[in-house]
C-alpha atoms as a PDB file:
ATOM      1  CA  MET A   1      -0.121  -0.127   0.054  1.00  0.00           C
ATOM      2  CA  SER A   2       1.552   3.368  -0.854  1.00  0.00           C
ATOM      3  CA  GLU A   3       1.921   6.050   1.653  1.00  0.00           C
ATOM      4  CA  ILE A   4      -1.208   8.433   2.164  1.00  0.00           C
ATOM      5  CA  CYS A   5      -0.464  11.996   2.740  1.00  0.00           C
ATOM      6  CA  PHE A   6      -3.281  14.026   4.469  1.00  0.00           C
ATOM      7  CA  ASN A   7      -3.438  17.708   3.966  1.00  0.00           C
ATOM      8  CA  GLU A   8      -5.751  20.365   5.522  1.00  0.00           C
ATOM      9  CA  LYS A   9      -8.424  19.901   2.904  1.00  0.00           C
ATOM     10  CA  SER A  10      -8.621  16.012   3.171  1.00  0.00           C
ATOM     11  CA  ILE A  11      -8.745  16.214   6.881  1.00  0.00           C
ATOM     12  CA  LYS A  12     -11.639  18.922   6.604  1.00  0.00           C
ATOM     13  CA  TYR A  13     -13.818  16.741   4.332  1.00  0.00           C
ATOM     14  CA  ALA A  14     -12.609  13.371   6.063  1.00  0.00           C
ATOM     15  CA  ASP A  15     -16.472  12.631   6.887  1.00  0.00           C
ATOM     16  CA  LEU A  16     -16.973  12.189   3.085  1.00  0.00           C
ATOM     17  CA  ILE A  17     -14.858   9.036   2.826  1.00  0.00           C
ATOM     18  CA  VAL A  18     -17.471   6.811   4.245  1.00  0.00           C
ATOM     19  CA  PRO A  19     -20.324   7.699   1.894  1.00  0.00           C
ATOM     20  CA  MET A  20     -17.765   7.842  -0.955  1.00  0.00           C
ATOM     21  CA  VAL A  21     -17.149   4.084  -0.167  1.00  0.00           C
ATOM     22  CA  GLY A  22     -21.145   3.142  -0.095  1.00  0.00           C
ATOM     23  CA  CYS A  23     -24.174   4.186   1.796  1.00  0.00           C
ATOM     24  CA  PRO A  24     -23.711   3.863   5.532  1.00  0.00           C
ATOM     25  CA  LEU A  25     -27.544   4.328   5.917  1.00  0.00           C
ATOM     26  CA  GLY A  26     -28.757   1.325   3.906  1.00  0.00           C
ATOM     27  CA  GLU A  27     -30.968   1.924   1.050  1.00  0.00           C
ATOM     28  CA  THR A  28     -29.514   4.446  -1.306  1.00  0.00           C
ATOM     29  CA  ALA A  29     -31.905   7.056  -3.286  1.00  0.00           C
ATOM     30  CA  SER A  30     -31.288   6.884  -7.030  1.00  0.00           C
ATOM     31  CA  ASP A  31     -30.189  10.437  -7.168  1.00  0.00           C
ATOM     32  CA  CYS A  32     -27.424  10.160  -4.406  1.00  0.00           C
ATOM     33  CA  PRO A  33     -24.210  12.167  -5.767  1.00  0.00           C
ATOM     34  CA  PHE A  34     -22.178   9.644  -4.028  1.00  0.00           C
ATOM     35  CA  ILE A  35     -23.041   6.525  -6.133  1.00  0.00           C
ATOM     36  CA  LYS A  36     -20.557   7.742  -8.781  1.00  0.00           C
ATOM     37  CA  PHE A  37     -17.588   7.088  -6.247  1.00  0.00           C
ATOM     38  CA  TRP A  38     -18.609   3.551  -5.249  1.00  0.00           C
ATOM     39  CA  ASN A  39     -16.471   0.412  -6.783  1.00  0.00           C
ATOM     40  CA  CYS A  40     -14.490   2.896  -8.953  1.00  0.00           C
ATOM     41  CA  TYR A  41     -11.703   4.385  -6.781  1.00  0.00           C
ATOM     42  CA  THR A  42      -9.362   2.977  -4.128  1.00  0.00           C
ATOM     43  CA  PHE A  43      -8.999   4.293  -0.586  1.00  0.00           C
ATOM     44  CA  GLU A  44      -6.101   6.416  -1.720  1.00  0.00           C
ATOM     45  CA  GLU A  45      -7.706   7.639  -5.111  1.00  0.00           C
ATOM     46  CA  ARG A  46     -10.834   8.602  -2.572  1.00  0.00           C
ATOM     47  CA  ILE A  47      -8.268  10.776  -0.494  1.00  0.00           C
ATOM     48  CA  GLY A  48      -7.082  12.219  -3.744  1.00  0.00           C
ATOM     49  CA  LEU A  49     -10.502  13.101  -4.930  1.00  0.00           C
ATOM     50  CA  LEU A  50     -10.983  15.433  -1.848  1.00  0.00           C
ATOM     51  CA  GLU A  51      -7.884  17.158  -2.628  1.00  0.00           C
ATOM     52  CA  ARG A  52      -9.028  17.504  -6.348  1.00  0.00           C
ATOM     53  CA  LEU A  53     -12.828  18.380  -6.045  1.00  0.00           C
ATOM     54  CA  THR A  54     -13.573  21.995  -5.270  1.00  0.00           C
ATOM     55  CA  GLU A  55     -14.541  23.414  -2.260  1.00  0.00           C
ATOM     56  CA  LYS A  56     -18.253  23.990  -3.689  1.00  0.00           C
ATOM     57  CA  ASP A  57     -18.557  20.378  -4.925  1.00  0.00           C
ATOM     58  CA  LEU A  58     -17.313  19.118  -1.315  1.00  0.00           C
ATOM     59  CA  THR A  59     -19.758  21.235   0.303  1.00  0.00           C
ATOM     60  CA  SER A  60     -22.514  19.978  -1.788  1.00  0.00           C
ATOM     61  CA  LEU A  61     -21.629  16.633  -0.972  1.00  0.00           C
ATOM     62  CA  ARG A  62     -21.544  17.336   2.544  1.00  0.00           C
ATOM     63  CA  LEU A  63     -24.834  18.940   2.835  1.00  0.00           C
ATOM     64  CA  HIS A  64     -26.528  16.117   0.614  1.00  0.00           C
ATOM     65  CA  HIS A  65     -25.121  13.436   3.231  1.00  0.00           C
ATOM     66  CA  ARG A  66     -26.071  15.560   6.368  1.00  0.00           C
ATOM     67  CA  LYS A  67     -29.653  16.013   4.945  1.00  0.00           C
ATOM     68  CA  CYS A  68     -29.866  12.428   4.187  1.00  0.00           C
ATOM     69  CA  VAL A  69     -28.816  11.343   7.701  1.00  0.00           C
ATOM     70  CA  ARG A  70     -31.249  13.804   9.304  1.00  0.00           C
ATOM     71  CA  HIS A  71     -33.935  12.507   7.157  1.00  0.00           C
ATOM     72  CA  ARG A  72     -33.223   8.988   8.216  1.00  0.00           C
ATOM     73  CA  GLN A  73     -33.197  10.081  11.854  1.00  0.00           C
ATOM     74  CA  ASN A  74     -36.557  11.508  11.654  1.00  0.00           C
ATOM     75  CA  VAL A  75     -37.907   8.938   9.658  1.00  0.00           C
ATOM     76  CA  LEU A  76     -36.468   5.787  11.167  1.00  0.00           C
ATOM     77  CA  PRO A  77     -37.190   4.767  14.843  1.00  0.00           C
ATOM     78  CA  ILE A  78     -33.997   4.853  17.188  1.00  0.00           C
ATOM     79  CA  ASP A  79     -33.980   1.910  19.546  1.00  0.00           C
ATOM     80  CA  THR A  80     -30.887   2.411  21.346  1.00  0.00           C
ATOM     81  CA  LYS A  81     -30.224   2.184  24.847  1.00  0.00           C
ATOM     82  CA  GLN A  82     -27.851   4.774  26.696  1.00  0.00           C
ATOM     83  CA  SER A  83     -25.810   1.875  27.691  1.00  0.00           C
ATOM     84  CA  ASP A  84     -25.196   1.051  23.782  1.00  0.00           C
ATOM     85  CA  LEU A  85     -24.382   4.665  23.271  1.00  0.00           C
ATOM     86  CA  ASP A  86     -21.973   4.769  26.026  1.00  0.00           C
ATOM     87  CA  ALA A  87     -20.126   1.686  24.634  1.00  0.00           C
ATOM     88  CA  LEU A  88     -19.321   3.599  21.346  1.00  0.00           C
ATOM     89  CA  ILE A  89     -17.710   6.367  23.146  1.00  0.00           C
END
């Protein structure tokens, strides 16, 4: 595996790596902008994308992902005990 160098921009948008790999929420909307990144890039290439995409594009991807997460939180029931949440910390 080659060495990966993280810069300020890739660290700032690191939260986009997971949705670039696949939908962390289960079912994916057909218009999800992250679909184009799945199965086409290695981890290293995804890090490189964070560096090459414009701030506008990255911000748009982040907003889409956050809206999707919020929508799923409001629609799907959350059945998690506090002890389960504490175990994650």
